[in-house]
Amino acid sequence: QVQLVESGGGLVQAGDSLSLSCAVSGRTASIYVMGWFRQAPGKEREFVAAMRWSGSTTYYAESVKGRFAISRDNARNTVYLQMNSLKPEDTAVYYCAADRDPSGSIRRVNGLQYDYWGQGTQVTVSS
């Protein structure tokens, strides 16, 4: 089993930055890809970013490319999502997710591909 706990959400103004953290515990050796997703009220869950658990390869949704950055601290078993130049449309509950499948690329944009999920953290961007 793998446990994921997000933190770092909050209320910010448009143009501000915010950093989310995802603390990972349990059988971390089984993780192959980590992802961030978000879900705004009344909308479907949306892929944001992904990266290999044991590498540096990253992949981003077009809507956040150039503004958001996913990173990892293996020593702390923590994955981060640095969000810059935030926009009101970035308002959502943000979730981190872990996938154990070692096959294929990291372009896992479908939430159904992931095995474990955190509880989410709210990010609200005011205009």
Foldseek 3Di string as FASTA:
>chain_A
DKAWAKDWADEEAAQAKTKMKIAIDDPLVLFFKKFKWWDDPPGDIWTAKMDTPPDGDIDGDPVQPPFWDWDADVVRNMIMIIGGRDDQVVWTWMKMFTARDNDDDRPPTDPVRTDDIYPTDTHGYHD
